Amino acid sequence: MEGKYISLITYTKKGDPIATPVWFVEKDGKLYALTTAKRYKYRRINNNPKVMVAQCTYRGNVIGSYVEGKARAFTGEEVLPIKKLFKKKYFSSRFMFRNIEGKDKTYGMEITLV
């Protein structure tokens, strides 16, 4: 997937879709996003791994069609190589990671497109 942002649709416990624009990177045919445990998208993925993704603008305006996927949340050592990819793709992510380290733990989301 091209671009800097994807619209990530996750689902509430009731099944309601919620779209959020997020930064992403690709590795081995999968998409990855980073967040903190306090963010609801991370909690929703833990409850329901079904997601939809589409390329979008930074404001969340979708460019193209949504594609179905399955997400997996992870943390710990698995996050480190993904952070390195983010730092290469997004210069300002260097500052973001510096600000959240120690305050909130960084979590990853691996998205496999179906």
N, C-alpha and C. Protein backbone atom coordinates (compact mmCIF):
# COMPACT_ATOMS: atom_id res chain seq x y z
N MET A 1 0.85 -1.17 0.00
CA MET A 1 0.00 0.00 0.00
C MET A 1 0.90 1.23 0.00
N GLU A 2 0.52 2.22 -0.78
CA GLU A 2 1.32 3.43 -0.89
C GLU A 2 0.81 4.51 0.04
N GLY A 3 1.61 5.54 0.19
CA GLY A 3 1.21 6.69 0.98
C GLY A 3 1.76 6.65 2.39
N LYS A 4 1.35 7.66 3.18
CA LYS A 4 1.82 7.77 4.55
C LYS A 4 0.76 7.37 5.56
N TYR A 5 -0.51 7.38 5.14
CA TYR A 5 -1.60 7.12 6.08
C TYR A 5 -2.54 6.05 5.54
N ILE A 6 -3.08 5.28 6.46
CA ILE A 6 -4.18 4.38 6.13
C ILE A 6 -5.33 4.69 7.08
N SER A 7 -6.53 4.48 6.56
CA SER A 7 -7.71 4.55 7.40
C SER A 7 -7.89 3.14 7.94
N LEU A 8 -7.81 3.01 9.24
CA LEU A 8 -7.93 1.71 9.90
C LEU A 8 -9.30 1.64 10.57
N ILE A 9 -10.15 0.73 10.09
CA ILE A 9 -11.45 0.53 10.71
C ILE A 9 -11.35 -0.64 11.67
N THR A 10 -11.66 -0.38 12.92
CA THR A 10 -11.75 -1.42 13.94
C THR A 10 -13.20 -1.44 14.42
N TYR A 11 -13.56 -2.50 15.14
CA TYR A 11 -14.96 -2.69 15.53
C TYR A 11 -15.12 -2.73 17.04
N THR A 12 -16.18 -2.07 17.51
CA THR A 12 -16.50 -2.08 18.94
C THR A 12 -17.07 -3.44 19.32
N LYS A 13 -17.27 -3.66 20.60
CA LYS A 13 -17.86 -4.91 21.06
C LYS A 13 -19.26 -5.11 20.47
N LYS A 14 -19.95 -4.01 20.20
CA LYS A 14 -21.30 -4.09 19.61
C LYS A 14 -21.24 -4.32 18.10
N GLY A 15 -20.04 -4.18 17.51
CA GLY A 15 -19.88 -4.37 16.07
C GLY A 15 -19.91 -3.09 15.26
N ASP A 16 -19.92 -1.94 15.92
CA ASP A 16 -19.92 -0.66 15.21
C ASP A 16 -18.52 -0.35 14.68
N PRO A 17 -18.40 0.04 13.40
CA PRO A 17 -17.07 0.36 12.84
C PRO A 17 -16.61 1.76 13.25
N ILE A 18 -15.32 1.88 13.53
CA ILE A 18 -14.72 3.18 13.86
C ILE A 18 -13.44 3.31 13.03
N ALA A 19 -13.39 4.35 12.21
CA ALA A 19 -12.24 4.59 11.34
C ALA A 19 -11.28 5.58 11.99
N THR A 20 -9.98 5.28 11.88
CA THR A 20 -8.94 6.15 12.43
C THR A 20 -7.80 6.24 11.43
N PRO A 21 -7.36 7.45 11.05
CA PRO A 21 -6.17 7.54 10.19
C PRO A 21 -4.92 7.27 11.02
N VAL A 22 -4.05 6.40 10.51
CA VAL A 22 -2.82 6.05 11.24
C VAL A 22 -1.64 5.98 10.27
N TRP A 23 -0.45 6.24 10.79
CA TRP A 23 0.77 5.98 10.05
C TRP A 23 0.94 4.48 9.94
N PHE A 24 1.64 4.03 8.90
CA PHE A 24 1.88 2.61 8.74
C PHE A 24 3.20 2.37 8.02
N VAL A 25 3.71 1.17 8.18
CA VAL A 25 4.86 0.70 7.41
C VAL A 25 4.53 -0.71 6.91
N GLU A 26 5.27 -1.14 5.90
CA GLU A 26 5.08 -2.48 5.36
C GLU A 26 6.34 -3.31 5.59
N LYS A 27 6.12 -4.58 5.88
CA LYS A 27 7.24 -5.51 6.05
C LYS A 27 6.72 -6.91 5.76
N ASP A 28 7.39 -7.60 4.86
CA ASP A 28 7.05 -8.99 4.51
C ASP A 28 5.58 -9.14 4.13
N GLY A 29 5.05 -8.18 3.38
CA GLY A 29 3.68 -8.27 2.90
C GLY A 29 2.60 -7.95 3.92
N LYS A 30 2.99 -7.44 5.08
CA LYS A 30 2.03 -7.09 6.12
C LYS A 30 2.17 -5.60 6.44
N LEU A 31 1.09 -5.02 6.96
CA LEU A 31 1.11 -3.63 7.38
C LEU A 31 1.28 -3.57 8.89
N TYR A 32 1.98 -2.54 9.36
CA TYR A 32 2.21 -2.38 10.79
C TYR A 32 1.90 -0.94 11.20
N ALA A 33 1.29 -0.79 12.35
CA ALA A 33 1.02 0.52 12.94
C ALA A 33 1.45 0.46 14.40
N LEU A 34 1.75 1.61 14.98
CA LEU A 34 2.15 1.69 16.39
C LEU A 34 1.17 2.57 17.16
N THR A 35 0.99 2.25 18.41
CA THR A 35 0.09 3.00 19.28
C THR A 35 0.49 2.76 20.73
N THR A 36 -0.30 3.26 21.65
CA THR A 36 -0.09 2.98 23.07
C THR A 36 -1.28 2.17 23.59
N ALA A 37 -1.12 1.57 24.74
CA ALA A 37 -2.17 0.72 25.30
C ALA A 37 -3.42 1.50 25.66
N LYS A 38 -3.27 2.81 25.88
CA LYS A 38 -4.42 3.63 26.27
C LYS A 38 -5.34 3.94 25.10
N ARG A 39 -4.90 3.70 23.89
CA ARG A 39 -5.71 4.02 22.71
C ARG A 39 -6.76 2.94 22.49
N TYR A 40 -7.96 3.38 22.15
CA TYR A 40 -9.07 2.45 22.00
C TYR A 40 -8.90 1.50 20.82
N LYS A 41 -8.21 1.93 19.75
CA LYS A 41 -8.04 1.03 18.61
C LYS A 41 -7.29 -0.23 19.02
N TYR A 42 -6.33 -0.08 19.93
CA TYR A 42 -5.60 -1.24 20.43
C TYR A 42 -6.53 -2.17 21.21
N ARG A 43 -7.37 -1.60 22.04
CA ARG A 43 -8.32 -2.40 22.82
C ARG A 43 -9.32 -3.10 21.90
N ARG A 44 -9.80 -2.38 20.87
CA ARG A 44 -10.77 -2.98 19.96
C ARG A 44 -10.17 -4.15 19.20
N ILE A 45 -8.90 -4.03 18.81
CA ILE A 45 -8.25 -5.14 18.09
C ILE A 45 -8.12 -6.36 18.99
N ASN A 46 -7.84 -6.14 20.26
CA ASN A 46 -7.78 -7.28 21.18
C ASN A 46 -9.12 -7.98 21.31
N ASN A 47 -10.22 -7.22 21.19
CA ASN A 47 -11.56 -7.81 21.29
C ASN A 47 -12.04 -8.42 19.98
N ASN A 48 -11.65 -7.84 18.85
CA ASN A 48 -12.10 -8.30 17.54
C ASN A 48 -10.99 -8.04 16.52
N PRO A 49 -10.32 -9.07 16.00
CA PRO A 49 -9.19 -8.87 15.09
C PRO A 49 -9.58 -8.45 13.67
N LYS A 50 -10.88 -8.44 13.34
CA LYS A 50 -11.31 -8.05 12.00
C LYS A 50 -11.11 -6.55 11.81
N VAL A 51 -10.46 -6.15 10.70
CA VAL A 51 -10.24 -4.75 10.38
C VAL A 51 -10.47 -4.53 8.89
N MET A 52 -10.59 -3.26 8.53
CA MET A 52 -10.64 -2.83 7.14
C MET A 52 -9.62 -1.70 7.00
N VAL A 53 -8.88 -1.67 5.89
CA VAL A 53 -7.89 -0.62 5.67
C VAL A 53 -8.03 -0.05 4.26
N ALA A 54 -7.71 1.23 4.14
CA ALA A 54 -7.68 1.91 2.85
C ALA A 54 -6.68 3.05 2.94
N GLN A 55 -6.09 3.39 1.83
CA GLN A 55 -5.20 4.55 1.80
C GLN A 55 -6.03 5.79 2.07
N CYS A 56 -5.47 6.75 2.82
CA CYS A 56 -6.21 7.97 3.14
C CYS A 56 -5.26 9.15 3.30
N THR A 57 -5.86 10.33 3.47
CA THR A 57 -5.10 11.54 3.75
C THR A 57 -4.88 11.64 5.26
N TYR A 58 -4.11 12.62 5.68
CA TYR A 58 -3.84 12.76 7.11
C TYR A 58 -5.10 13.12 7.89
N ARG A 59 -6.11 13.62 7.22
CA ARG A 59 -7.39 13.93 7.87
C ARG A 59 -8.37 12.77 7.83
N GLY A 60 -7.97 11.67 7.21
CA GLY A 60 -8.83 10.50 7.17
C GLY A 60 -9.72 10.39 5.96
N ASN A 61 -9.56 11.28 4.97
CA ASN A 61 -10.34 11.18 3.74
C ASN A 61 -9.82 10.01 2.92
N VAL A 62 -10.66 9.04 2.69
CA VAL A 62 -10.25 7.79 2.04
C VAL A 62 -9.97 8.01 0.56
N ILE A 63 -8.84 7.43 0.10
CA ILE A 63 -8.43 7.45 -1.30
C ILE A 63 -8.43 6.00 -1.76
N GLY A 64 -9.41 5.59 -2.48
CA GLY A 64 -9.47 4.20 -2.94
C GLY A 64 -10.48 3.39 -2.16
N SER A 65 -10.32 2.09 -2.23
CA SER A 65 -11.29 1.17 -1.63
C SER A 65 -10.73 0.53 -0.37
N TYR A 66 -11.64 0.17 0.53
CA TYR A 66 -11.25 -0.56 1.73
C TYR A 66 -10.97 -2.02 1.38
N VAL A 67 -10.01 -2.58 2.09
CA VAL A 67 -9.64 -3.98 1.94
C VAL A 67 -9.77 -4.63 3.31
N GLU A 68 -10.32 -5.83 3.35
CA GLU A 68 -10.50 -6.54 4.63
C GLU A 68 -9.16 -7.09 5.11
N GLY A 69 -9.01 -7.14 6.41
CA GLY A 69 -7.79 -7.67 7.00
C GLY A 69 -8.04 -8.23 8.38
N LYS A 70 -6.98 -8.83 8.91
CA LYS A 70 -7.02 -9.37 10.27
C LYS A 70 -5.83 -8.79 11.01
N ALA A 71 -6.08 -8.26 12.21
CA ALA A 71 -5.03 -7.59 12.98
C ALA A 71 -4.63 -8.41 14.20
N ARG A 72 -3.40 -8.21 14.58
CA ARG A 72 -2.86 -8.84 15.79
C ARG A 72 -2.09 -7.78 16.55
N ALA A 73 -2.38 -7.64 17.83
CA ALA A 73 -1.67 -6.67 18.68
C ALA A 73 -0.46 -7.36 19.30
N PHE A 74 0.63 -6.61 19.43
CA PHE A 74 1.83 -7.18 20.04
C PHE A 74 2.61 -6.09 20.76
N THR A 75 3.55 -6.51 21.59
CA THR A 75 4.38 -5.58 22.35
C THR A 75 5.74 -6.23 22.60
N GLY A 76 6.54 -5.60 23.41
CA GLY A 76 7.84 -6.16 23.79
C GLY A 76 8.86 -6.04 22.69
N GLU A 77 9.67 -7.06 22.56
CA GLU A 77 10.78 -7.07 21.60
C GLU A 77 10.30 -7.00 20.16
N GLU A 78 9.09 -7.46 19.88
CA GLU A 78 8.55 -7.42 18.52
C GLU A 78 8.40 -6.00 18.00
N VAL A 79 8.24 -5.04 18.89
CA VAL A 79 8.01 -3.65 18.50
C VAL A 79 9.28 -2.99 17.98
N LEU A 80 10.43 -3.38 18.46
CA LEU A 80 11.69 -2.70 18.12
C LEU A 80 11.98 -2.61 16.63
N PRO A 81 11.90 -3.71 15.85
CA PRO A 81 12.18 -3.56 14.41
C PRO A 81 11.14 -2.70 13.68
N ILE A 82 9.92 -2.69 14.17
CA ILE A 82 8.88 -1.87 13.56
C ILE A 82 9.15 -0.39 13.84
N LYS A 83 9.61 -0.07 15.05
CA LYS A 83 9.99 1.32 15.37
C LYS A 83 11.08 1.81 14.43
N LYS A 84 12.04 0.93 14.12
CA LYS A 84 13.13 1.33 13.22
C LYS A 84 12.58 1.66 11.83
N LEU A 85 11.62 0.88 11.36
CA LEU A 85 11.00 1.16 10.06
C LEU A 85 10.25 2.49 10.08
N PHE A 86 9.57 2.77 11.19
CA PHE A 86 8.85 4.04 11.34
C PHE A 86 9.83 5.20 11.32
N LYS A 87 10.96 5.06 11.98
CA LYS A 87 11.93 6.15 12.04
C LYS A 87 12.53 6.43 10.66
N LYS A 88 12.62 5.41 9.80
CA LYS A 88 13.10 5.61 8.43
C LYS A 88 12.06 6.31 7.57
N LYS A 89 10.79 5.92 7.73
CA LYS A 89 9.73 6.46 6.87
C LYS A 89 9.22 7.82 7.33
N TYR A 90 9.14 8.02 8.65
CA TYR A 90 8.56 9.25 9.20
C TYR A 90 9.58 9.93 10.10
N PHE A 91 10.15 11.03 9.63
CA PHE A 91 11.16 11.73 10.41
C PHE A 91 10.63 12.16 11.77
N SER A 92 9.41 12.67 11.82
CA SER A 92 8.87 13.18 13.09
C SER A 92 8.55 12.06 14.08
N SER A 93 8.54 10.80 13.64
CA SER A 93 8.30 9.70 14.58
C SER A 93 9.44 9.58 15.58
N ARG A 94 10.61 10.08 15.24
CA ARG A 94 11.74 10.05 16.17
C ARG A 94 11.39 10.81 17.45
N PHE A 95 10.69 11.92 17.29
CA PHE A 95 10.30 12.73 18.44
C PHE A 95 9.12 12.11 19.17
N MET A 96 8.21 11.50 18.42
CA MET A 96 7.04 10.87 19.02
C MET A 96 7.47 9.75 19.97
N PHE A 97 8.38 8.90 19.51
CA PHE A 97 8.82 7.79 20.35
C PHE A 97 9.56 8.29 21.58
N ARG A 98 10.30 9.36 21.45
CA ARG A 98 11.03 9.92 22.59
C ARG A 98 10.04 10.42 23.64
N ASN A 99 8.91 10.99 23.19
CA ASN A 99 7.93 11.54 24.12
C ASN A 99 7.11 10.48 24.83
N ILE A 100 6.83 9.35 24.18
CA ILE A 100 5.97 8.36 24.83
C ILE A 100 6.73 7.30 25.59
N GLU A 101 8.02 7.17 25.35
CA GLU A 101 8.78 6.18 26.10
C GLU A 101 8.77 6.53 27.58
N GLY A 102 8.49 5.56 28.40
CA GLY A 102 8.45 5.80 29.82
C GLY A 102 7.09 6.21 30.32
N LYS A 103 6.31 6.92 29.51
CA LYS A 103 4.96 7.33 29.91
C LYS A 103 3.96 6.24 29.58
N ASP A 104 3.92 5.83 28.33
CA ASP A 104 3.04 4.78 27.86
C ASP A 104 3.88 3.77 27.10
N LYS A 105 3.55 2.54 27.25
CA LYS A 105 4.27 1.50 26.53
C LYS A 105 3.81 1.50 25.07
N THR A 106 4.75 1.34 24.15
CA THR A 106 4.42 1.31 22.73
C THR A 106 3.97 -0.09 22.33
N TYR A 107 2.85 -0.16 21.62
CA TYR A 107 2.30 -1.42 21.15
C TYR A 107 2.24 -1.40 19.63
N GLY A 108 2.34 -2.57 19.06
CA GLY A 108 2.26 -2.69 17.60
C GLY A 108 0.99 -3.40 17.19
N MET A 109 0.60 -3.13 15.96
CA MET A 109 -0.54 -3.81 15.36
C MET A 109 -0.09 -4.34 14.01
N GLU A 110 -0.16 -5.64 13.84
CA GLU A 110 0.21 -6.29 12.58
C GLU A 110 -1.09 -6.57 11.82
N ILE A 111 -1.16 -6.11 10.59
CA ILE A 111 -2.37 -6.26 9.79
C ILE A 111 -2.06 -7.12 8.57
N THR A 112 -2.74 -8.25 8.48
CA THR A 112 -2.62 -9.13 7.33
C THR A 112 -3.84 -8.93 6.46
N LEU A 113 -3.63 -8.52 5.21
CA LEU A 113 -4.75 -8.29 4.32
C LEU A 113 -5.26 -9.62 3.78
N VAL A 114 -6.59 -9.71 3.67
CA VAL A 114 -7.23 -10.96 3.23
C VAL A 114 -7.56 -10.87 1.77
